Amino acid sequence: MKFNIIAILIAALVPMVLGFVWYGPILFQKAWMRESGVTETQIKSTNMPVLLGVSLLFAVILSFFTQFLVVHEMGVMGMTEGQIDGATAQAFLAEWSGKYRSFGHGAIHGAMAGIMFVWPIMATNGLFERKSWKLIFINVGYWTIALTIMGSIIGGWV
């Protein structure tokens, strides 16, 4: 199973593009700033090239590992340590390889990752940091939608 590096890189752009809309004036900028305590002055004093560059690096890492959640054949590779010459692995791949590779299937796995991983982690952090549920849901909503779209791209781009 080879990595689809183009799909991974395209999917990595999703958090960046979605973030501009989600946390921008069109949707949740005012609510996010109010709930998080971030001011206009803090935003203007940020080194944006560094912030965006590091964010893109993290998005590439996230996109790379999203492939393991979405592409089931990756699990077979992991279980057989890349030794696909085994009869069981070959039989499995012959039967199932590519069967669940679709945009919809990838989106379901991305959404599940948002709900089952991101939400509990961010909610726990938010509770201990005394953040509002409004802020928690703004952030969890963003990551759930981002992962849904990322999973869709990676799952459907055969």
N, C-alpha and C. Protein backbone atom coordinates (compact mmCIF):
# COMPACT_ATOMS: atom_id res chain seq x y z
N MET A 1 0.86 -1.18 0.00
CA MET A 1 0.00 0.00 0.00
C MET A 1 0.89 1.23 0.00
N LYS A 2 0.72 2.05 -0.99
CA LYS A 2 1.52 3.26 -1.10
C LYS A 2 0.74 4.45 -0.58
N PHE A 3 1.47 5.41 -0.08
CA PHE A 3 0.85 6.64 0.37
C PHE A 3 0.51 7.50 -0.84
N ASN A 4 -0.67 8.10 -0.81
CA ASN A 4 -1.06 9.03 -1.87
C ASN A 4 -0.65 10.42 -1.41
N ILE A 5 0.59 10.79 -1.71
CA ILE A 5 1.16 12.03 -1.19
C ILE A 5 0.40 13.26 -1.67
N ILE A 6 -0.15 13.21 -2.88
CA ILE A 6 -0.91 14.36 -3.38
C ILE A 6 -2.19 14.54 -2.57
N ALA A 7 -2.90 13.44 -2.31
CA ALA A 7 -4.11 13.53 -1.48
C ALA A 7 -3.78 14.01 -0.08
N ILE A 8 -2.66 13.53 0.47
CA ILE A 8 -2.25 13.95 1.81
C ILE A 8 -1.97 15.45 1.83
N LEU A 9 -1.27 15.95 0.83
CA LEU A 9 -0.94 17.39 0.79
C LEU A 9 -2.18 18.26 0.55
N ILE A 10 -3.07 17.80 -0.32
CA ILE A 10 -4.31 18.55 -0.56
C ILE A 10 -5.16 18.55 0.71
N ALA A 11 -5.28 17.40 1.36
CA ALA A 11 -6.05 17.31 2.61
C ALA A 11 -5.44 18.20 3.69
N ALA A 12 -4.13 18.37 3.68
CA ALA A 12 -3.47 19.22 4.68
C ALA A 12 -3.84 20.69 4.51
N LEU A 13 -4.29 21.06 3.35
CA LEU A 13 -4.71 22.45 3.14
C LEU A 13 -6.09 22.74 3.75
N VAL A 14 -6.85 21.69 4.01
CA VAL A 14 -8.21 21.85 4.52
C VAL A 14 -8.27 22.63 5.83
N PRO A 15 -7.48 22.27 6.86
CA PRO A 15 -7.55 23.06 8.10
C PRO A 15 -7.20 24.53 7.89
N MET A 16 -6.30 24.79 6.96
CA MET A 16 -5.90 26.18 6.69
C MET A 16 -7.06 26.97 6.06
N VAL A 17 -7.62 26.42 5.00
CA VAL A 17 -8.71 27.11 4.30
C VAL A 17 -9.95 27.21 5.19
N LEU A 18 -10.32 26.10 5.82
CA LEU A 18 -11.48 26.11 6.71
C LEU A 18 -11.28 27.07 7.87
N GLY A 19 -10.06 27.12 8.40
CA GLY A 19 -9.76 28.01 9.52
C GLY A 19 -9.98 29.47 9.18
N PHE A 20 -9.62 29.87 7.96
CA PHE A 20 -9.84 31.25 7.54
C PHE A 20 -11.32 31.61 7.55
N VAL A 21 -12.15 30.66 7.18
CA VAL A 21 -13.60 30.89 7.17
C VAL A 21 -14.18 30.75 8.57
N TRP A 22 -13.87 29.63 9.24
CA TRP A 22 -14.47 29.29 10.54
C TRP A 22 -14.15 30.35 11.60
N TYR A 23 -12.86 30.72 11.67
CA TYR A 23 -12.43 31.67 12.69
C TYR A 23 -12.37 33.10 12.16
N GLY A 24 -12.90 33.31 10.98
CA GLY A 24 -12.92 34.64 10.37
C GLY A 24 -14.22 35.36 10.65
N PRO A 25 -14.33 36.59 10.13
CA PRO A 25 -15.52 37.41 10.42
C PRO A 25 -16.83 36.84 9.88
N ILE A 26 -16.77 35.94 8.93
CA ILE A 26 -17.99 35.36 8.37
C ILE A 26 -18.71 34.49 9.39
N LEU A 27 -17.95 33.72 10.19
CA LEU A 27 -18.59 32.78 11.11
C LEU A 27 -18.33 33.11 12.59
N PHE A 28 -17.23 32.65 13.14
CA PHE A 28 -17.09 32.65 14.60
C PHE A 28 -15.99 33.56 15.16
N GLN A 29 -15.48 34.48 14.37
CA GLN A 29 -14.37 35.31 14.84
C GLN A 29 -14.70 36.03 16.15
N LYS A 30 -15.80 36.74 16.19
CA LYS A 30 -16.14 37.51 17.39
C LYS A 30 -16.39 36.61 18.60
N ALA A 31 -17.15 35.55 18.40
CA ALA A 31 -17.44 34.63 19.51
C ALA A 31 -16.17 33.95 19.98
N TRP A 32 -15.33 33.51 19.06
CA TRP A 32 -14.08 32.84 19.43
C TRP A 32 -13.16 33.79 20.19
N MET A 33 -13.02 35.01 19.69
CA MET A 33 -12.16 35.98 20.37
C MET A 33 -12.68 36.28 21.78
N ARG A 34 -13.97 36.48 21.90
CA ARG A 34 -14.55 36.78 23.21
C ARG A 34 -14.36 35.62 24.18
N GLU A 35 -14.67 34.41 23.72
CA GLU A 35 -14.61 33.23 24.59
C GLU A 35 -13.18 32.80 24.92
N SER A 36 -12.25 33.02 23.99
CA SER A 36 -10.87 32.60 24.23
C SER A 36 -10.04 33.68 24.91
N GLY A 37 -10.54 34.92 24.87
CA GLY A 37 -9.80 36.02 25.49
C GLY A 37 -8.71 36.59 24.60
N VAL A 38 -8.72 36.26 23.33
CA VAL A 38 -7.74 36.78 22.39
C VAL A 38 -8.21 38.16 21.90
N THR A 39 -7.30 39.11 21.88
CA THR A 39 -7.64 40.47 21.47
C THR A 39 -7.10 40.77 20.07
N GLU A 40 -7.61 41.84 19.48
CA GLU A 40 -7.11 42.30 18.16
C GLU A 40 -5.62 42.60 18.24
N THR A 41 -5.20 43.21 19.35
CA THR A 41 -3.79 43.55 19.52
C THR A 41 -2.92 42.30 19.51
N GLN A 42 -3.35 41.26 20.18
CA GLN A 42 -2.60 40.00 20.19
C GLN A 42 -2.52 39.39 18.80
N ILE A 43 -3.63 39.45 18.08
CA ILE A 43 -3.65 38.89 16.72
C ILE A 43 -2.69 39.67 15.82
N LYS A 44 -2.71 41.00 15.91
CA LYS A 44 -1.85 41.82 15.06
C LYS A 44 -0.37 41.69 15.42
N SER A 45 -0.07 41.34 16.66
CA SER A 45 1.34 41.21 17.07
C SER A 45 1.90 39.81 16.81
N THR A 46 1.09 38.92 16.26
CA THR A 46 1.52 37.54 15.98
C THR A 46 2.39 37.51 14.74
N ASN A 47 3.42 36.69 14.76
CA ASN A 47 4.26 36.46 13.58
C ASN A 47 3.50 35.47 12.69
N MET A 48 2.70 36.00 11.78
CA MET A 48 1.80 35.16 10.98
C MET A 48 2.53 34.16 10.08
N PRO A 49 3.64 34.52 9.43
CA PRO A 49 4.31 33.49 8.61
C PRO A 49 4.74 32.27 9.44
N VAL A 50 5.26 32.51 10.64
CA VAL A 50 5.66 31.40 11.50
C VAL A 50 4.42 30.62 11.95
N LEU A 51 3.39 31.32 12.39
CA LEU A 51 2.16 30.67 12.85
C LEU A 51 1.55 29.81 11.75
N LEU A 52 1.44 30.36 10.55
CA LEU A 52 0.84 29.61 9.44
C LEU A 52 1.75 28.47 8.98
N GLY A 53 3.06 28.69 8.98
CA GLY A 53 3.99 27.64 8.58
C GLY A 53 3.95 26.44 9.53
N VAL A 54 3.96 26.72 10.83
CA VAL A 54 3.90 25.64 11.82
C VAL A 54 2.53 24.95 11.74
N SER A 55 1.47 25.74 11.56
CA SER A 55 0.13 25.16 11.43
C SER A 55 0.05 24.24 10.22
N LEU A 56 0.66 24.65 9.11
CA LEU A 56 0.66 23.81 7.92
C LEU A 56 1.46 22.53 8.15
N LEU A 57 2.58 22.63 8.84
CA LEU A 57 3.36 21.44 9.17
C LEU A 57 2.51 20.46 10.00
N PHE A 58 1.82 20.98 11.02
CA PHE A 58 0.95 20.12 11.83
C PHE A 58 -0.18 19.53 11.00
N ALA A 59 -0.70 20.30 10.05
CA ALA A 59 -1.78 19.80 9.19
C ALA A 59 -1.28 18.67 8.30
N VAL A 60 -0.05 18.76 7.83
CA VAL A 60 0.52 17.67 7.01
C VAL A 60 0.67 16.41 7.86
N ILE A 61 1.15 16.56 9.10
CA ILE A 61 1.28 15.41 10.00
C ILE A 61 -0.09 14.79 10.25
N LEU A 62 -1.08 15.63 10.55
CA LEU A 62 -2.44 15.14 10.79
C LEU A 62 -3.00 14.45 9.56
N SER A 63 -2.79 15.02 8.40
CA SER A 63 -3.28 14.45 7.16
C SER A 63 -2.63 13.09 6.89
N PHE A 64 -1.33 13.00 7.13
CA PHE A 64 -0.61 11.75 6.93
C PHE A 64 -1.21 10.64 7.80
N PHE A 65 -1.48 10.93 9.05
CA PHE A 65 -2.00 9.91 9.94
C PHE A 65 -3.50 9.69 9.79
N THR A 66 -4.20 10.63 9.17
CA THR A 66 -5.62 10.41 8.87
C THR A 66 -5.77 9.26 7.88
N GLN A 67 -4.78 9.10 7.04
CA GLN A 67 -4.82 8.00 6.07
C GLN A 67 -4.92 6.65 6.77
N PHE A 68 -4.29 6.50 7.93
CA PHE A 68 -4.36 5.23 8.67
C PHE A 68 -5.76 4.98 9.23
N LEU A 69 -6.51 6.04 9.49
CA LEU A 69 -7.88 5.90 9.98
C LEU A 69 -8.86 5.57 8.86
N VAL A 70 -8.57 6.05 7.68
CA VAL A 70 -9.51 6.01 6.57
C VAL A 70 -9.28 4.82 5.64
N VAL A 71 -8.04 4.48 5.39
CA VAL A 71 -7.71 3.43 4.42
C VAL A 71 -7.47 2.13 5.18
N HIS A 72 -8.40 1.20 5.07
CA HIS A 72 -8.34 -0.04 5.84
C HIS A 72 -7.15 -0.92 5.48
N GLU A 73 -6.71 -0.82 4.24
CA GLU A 73 -5.57 -1.62 3.82
C GLU A 73 -4.33 -1.29 4.63
N MET A 74 -4.26 -0.07 5.17
CA MET A 74 -3.12 0.33 6.00
C MET A 74 -3.05 -0.54 7.25
N GLY A 75 -4.19 -0.97 7.77
CA GLY A 75 -4.21 -1.84 8.94
C GLY A 75 -3.59 -3.19 8.64
N VAL A 76 -3.84 -3.71 7.45
CA VAL A 76 -3.24 -4.98 7.06
C VAL A 76 -1.73 -4.82 6.97
N MET A 77 -1.30 -3.71 6.42
CA MET A 77 0.15 -3.45 6.33
C MET A 77 0.75 -3.41 7.72
N GLY A 78 0.06 -2.79 8.66
CA GLY A 78 0.56 -2.70 10.02
C GLY A 78 0.60 -4.05 10.71
N MET A 79 -0.43 -4.85 10.50
CA MET A 79 -0.50 -6.16 11.15
C MET A 79 0.55 -7.12 10.60
N THR A 80 0.89 -6.97 9.33
CA THR A 80 1.84 -7.89 8.71
C THR A 80 3.22 -7.28 8.59
N GLU A 81 3.41 -6.11 9.21
CA GLU A 81 4.69 -5.39 9.19
C GLU A 81 5.20 -5.20 7.76
N GLY A 82 4.29 -4.95 6.86
CA GLY A 82 4.65 -4.70 5.47
C GLY A 82 4.97 -5.95 4.67
N GLN A 83 4.91 -7.11 5.28
CA GLN A 83 5.21 -8.36 4.59
C GLN A 83 3.92 -8.91 4.00
N ILE A 84 3.55 -8.44 2.85
CA ILE A 84 2.28 -8.81 2.23
C ILE A 84 2.36 -10.15 1.52
N ASP A 85 3.45 -10.87 1.64
CA ASP A 85 3.52 -12.16 0.96
C ASP A 85 2.82 -13.28 1.74
N GLY A 86 2.35 -12.96 2.96
CA GLY A 86 1.62 -13.98 3.72
C GLY A 86 0.28 -14.30 3.09
N ALA A 87 -0.15 -15.55 3.16
CA ALA A 87 -1.39 -16.00 2.52
C ALA A 87 -2.60 -15.28 3.09
N THR A 88 -2.65 -15.07 4.40
CA THR A 88 -3.80 -14.41 5.01
C THR A 88 -3.93 -12.97 4.56
N ALA A 89 -2.82 -12.25 4.56
CA ALA A 89 -2.84 -10.86 4.12
C ALA A 89 -3.23 -10.76 2.65
N GLN A 90 -2.67 -11.64 1.83
CA GLN A 90 -2.99 -11.64 0.40
C GLN A 90 -4.48 -11.92 0.17
N ALA A 91 -5.02 -12.88 0.91
CA ALA A 91 -6.44 -13.22 0.76
C ALA A 91 -7.31 -12.04 1.18
N PHE A 92 -6.95 -11.41 2.29
CA PHE A 92 -7.72 -10.25 2.76
C PHE A 92 -7.69 -9.13 1.72
N LEU A 93 -6.50 -8.81 1.24
CA LEU A 93 -6.37 -7.72 0.27
C LEU A 93 -7.09 -8.05 -1.04
N ALA A 94 -7.03 -9.31 -1.46
CA ALA A 94 -7.72 -9.70 -2.69
C ALA A 94 -9.23 -9.51 -2.54
N GLU A 95 -9.74 -9.80 -1.36
CA GLU A 95 -11.18 -9.69 -1.10
C GLU A 95 -11.63 -8.24 -0.87
N TRP A 96 -10.86 -7.48 -0.10
CA TRP A 96 -11.34 -6.20 0.41
C TRP A 96 -10.63 -4.96 -0.11
N SER A 97 -9.49 -5.09 -0.73
CA SER A 97 -8.71 -3.91 -1.13
C SER A 97 -9.53 -2.98 -2.02
N GLY A 98 -9.63 -1.76 -1.60
CA GLY A 98 -10.33 -0.74 -2.37
C GLY A 98 -11.84 -0.76 -2.23
N LYS A 99 -12.39 -1.74 -1.52
CA LYS A 99 -13.84 -1.88 -1.43
C LYS A 99 -14.51 -0.70 -0.72
N TYR A 100 -13.84 -0.16 0.27
CA TYR A 100 -14.40 0.96 1.03
C TYR A 100 -13.63 2.26 0.79
N ARG A 101 -13.13 2.42 -0.39
CA ARG A 101 -12.41 3.64 -0.74
C ARG A 101 -13.38 4.56 -1.46
N SER A 102 -13.99 5.47 -0.69
CA SER A 102 -14.90 6.43 -1.28
C SER A 102 -14.86 7.71 -0.46
N PHE A 103 -15.35 8.78 -1.06
CA PHE A 103 -15.40 10.06 -0.35
C PHE A 103 -16.29 9.95 0.88
N GLY A 104 -17.43 9.27 0.75
CA GLY A 104 -18.37 9.14 1.86
C GLY A 104 -17.80 8.32 3.01
N HIS A 105 -17.15 7.23 2.67
CA HIS A 105 -16.57 6.38 3.72
C HIS A 105 -15.45 7.12 4.45
N GLY A 106 -14.63 7.84 3.70
CA GLY A 106 -13.57 8.64 4.31
C GLY A 106 -14.14 9.73 5.20
N ALA A 107 -15.24 10.34 4.76
CA ALA A 107 -15.88 11.38 5.56
C ALA A 107 -16.42 10.83 6.87
N ILE A 108 -17.00 9.64 6.82
CA ILE A 108 -17.52 9.02 8.05
C ILE A 108 -16.39 8.80 9.05
N HIS A 109 -15.27 8.27 8.57
CA HIS A 109 -14.15 8.03 9.48
C HIS A 109 -13.57 9.35 10.00
N GLY A 110 -13.52 10.35 9.17
CA GLY A 110 -13.04 11.66 9.63
C GLY A 110 -13.96 12.25 10.70
N ALA A 111 -15.27 12.15 10.47
CA ALA A 111 -16.24 12.65 11.45
C ALA A 111 -16.15 11.87 12.76
N MET A 112 -15.98 10.55 12.64
CA MET A 112 -15.83 9.74 13.85
C MET A 112 -14.59 10.15 14.63
N ALA A 113 -13.50 10.45 13.94
CA ALA A 113 -12.28 10.90 14.62
C ALA A 113 -12.54 12.21 15.36
N GLY A 114 -13.29 13.10 14.73
CA GLY A 114 -13.62 14.37 15.39
C GLY A 114 -14.47 14.17 16.63
N ILE A 115 -15.46 13.32 16.53
CA ILE A 115 -16.38 13.10 17.65
C ILE A 115 -15.75 12.22 18.73
N MET A 116 -15.04 11.18 18.33
CA MET A 116 -14.54 10.20 19.30
C MET A 116 -13.14 10.52 19.85
N PHE A 117 -12.35 11.32 19.13
CA PHE A 117 -11.02 11.68 19.62
C PHE A 117 -10.94 13.16 20.00
N VAL A 118 -11.26 14.02 19.06
CA VAL A 118 -11.08 15.45 19.28
C VAL A 118 -11.98 15.98 20.39
N TRP A 119 -13.26 15.64 20.33
CA TRP A 119 -14.20 16.18 21.31
C TRP A 119 -13.83 15.82 22.75
N PRO A 120 -13.59 14.54 23.08
CA PRO A 120 -13.23 14.23 24.46
C PRO A 120 -11.93 14.91 24.91
N ILE A 121 -10.94 14.99 24.02
CA ILE A 121 -9.67 15.61 24.40
C ILE A 121 -9.85 17.11 24.62
N MET A 122 -10.48 17.78 23.66
CA MET A 122 -10.63 19.23 23.79
C MET A 122 -11.59 19.61 24.92
N ALA A 123 -12.62 18.79 25.13
CA ALA A 123 -13.55 19.08 26.23
C ALA A 123 -12.85 18.91 27.57
N THR A 124 -12.05 17.88 27.71
CA THR A 124 -11.30 17.68 28.96
C THR A 124 -10.36 18.85 29.21
N ASN A 125 -9.59 19.22 28.18
CA ASN A 125 -8.69 20.37 28.33
C ASN A 125 -9.48 21.63 28.67
N GLY A 126 -10.57 21.86 27.97
CA GLY A 126 -11.39 23.05 28.20
C GLY A 126 -11.96 23.10 29.61
N LEU A 127 -12.38 21.96 30.12
CA LEU A 127 -12.92 21.92 31.48
C LEU A 127 -11.85 22.28 32.51
N PHE A 128 -10.67 21.71 32.36
CA PHE A 128 -9.59 22.01 33.31
C PHE A 128 -9.07 23.44 33.16
N GLU A 129 -9.14 23.98 31.95
CA GLU A 129 -8.69 25.36 31.71
C GLU A 129 -9.79 26.37 32.01
N ARG A 130 -10.96 25.88 32.44
CA ARG A 130 -12.11 26.74 32.78
C ARG A 130 -12.60 27.53 31.57
N LYS A 131 -12.57 26.88 30.40
CA LYS A 131 -13.09 27.50 29.18
C LYS A 131 -14.57 27.22 29.07
N SER A 132 -15.26 28.07 28.33
CA SER A 132 -16.71 27.91 28.18
C SER A 132 -17.01 26.77 27.21
N TRP A 133 -18.22 26.21 27.38
CA TRP A 133 -18.67 25.18 26.44
C TRP A 133 -18.81 25.76 25.04
N LYS A 134 -19.13 27.04 24.95
CA LYS A 134 -19.24 27.68 23.63
C LYS A 134 -17.91 27.61 22.89
N LEU A 135 -16.82 27.94 23.58
CA LEU A 135 -15.49 27.88 22.96
C LEU A 135 -15.13 26.44 22.61
N ILE A 136 -15.43 25.52 23.51
CA ILE A 136 -15.12 24.11 23.25
C ILE A 136 -15.84 23.65 21.99
N PHE A 137 -17.12 23.99 21.86
CA PHE A 137 -17.87 23.54 20.68
C PHE A 137 -17.44 24.26 19.40
N ILE A 138 -17.01 25.51 19.51
CA ILE A 138 -16.47 26.19 18.32
C ILE A 138 -15.24 25.44 17.82
N ASN A 139 -14.33 25.14 18.74
CA ASN A 139 -13.08 24.45 18.35
C ASN A 139 -13.33 23.01 17.91
N VAL A 140 -14.16 22.28 18.64
CA VAL A 140 -14.45 20.89 18.27
C VAL A 140 -15.18 20.84 16.93
N GLY A 141 -16.11 21.76 16.71
CA GLY A 141 -16.82 21.81 15.44
C GLY A 141 -15.86 22.02 14.27
N TYR A 142 -14.93 22.93 14.47
CA TYR A 142 -13.93 23.19 13.43
C TYR A 142 -13.14 21.93 13.10
N TRP A 143 -12.60 21.27 14.13
CA TRP A 143 -11.76 20.09 13.88
C TRP A 143 -12.57 18.91 13.35
N THR A 144 -13.80 18.78 13.78
CA THR A 144 -14.63 17.68 13.28
C THR A 144 -14.93 17.88 11.79
N ILE A 145 -15.26 19.09 11.41
CA ILE A 145 -15.51 19.37 9.99
C ILE A 145 -14.22 19.23 9.19
N ALA A 146 -13.11 19.73 9.72
CA ALA A 146 -11.83 19.61 9.02
C ALA A 146 -11.46 18.14 8.80
N LEU A 147 -11.58 17.33 9.84
CA LEU A 147 -11.25 15.91 9.71
C LEU A 147 -12.22 15.18 8.78
N THR A 148 -13.48 15.59 8.78
CA THR A 148 -14.46 14.99 7.88
C THR A 148 -14.06 15.25 6.41
N ILE A 149 -13.69 16.48 6.12
CA ILE A 149 -13.29 16.82 4.75
C ILE A 149 -11.96 16.16 4.40
N MET A 150 -11.03 16.16 5.34
CA MET A 150 -9.73 15.52 5.11
C MET A 150 -9.91 14.02 4.86
N GLY A 151 -10.72 13.37 5.67
CA GLY A 151 -10.99 11.94 5.50
C GLY A 151 -11.65 11.67 4.16
N SER A 152 -12.53 12.55 3.76
CA SER A 152 -13.20 12.41 2.47
C SER A 152 -12.20 12.47 1.32
N ILE A 153 -11.31 13.43 1.38
CA ILE A 153 -10.30 13.58 0.31
C ILE A 153 -9.39 12.35 0.27
N ILE A 154 -8.90 11.96 1.42
CA ILE A 154 -7.97 10.84 1.48
C ILE A 154 -8.67 9.51 1.12
N GLY A 155 -9.89 9.32 1.61
CA GLY A 155 -10.62 8.08 1.34
C GLY A 155 -11.09 7.96 -0.10
N GLY A 156 -11.44 9.08 -0.70
CA GLY A 156 -12.00 9.02 -2.04
C GLY A 156 -10.99 9.16 -3.16
N TRP A 157 -9.81 9.61 -2.82
CA TRP A 157 -8.80 9.84 -3.85
C TRP A 157 -8.02 8.55 -4.06
N VAL A 158 -8.55 7.67 -4.86
CA VAL A 158 -7.93 6.36 -5.08
C VAL A 158 -6.80 6.46 -6.09
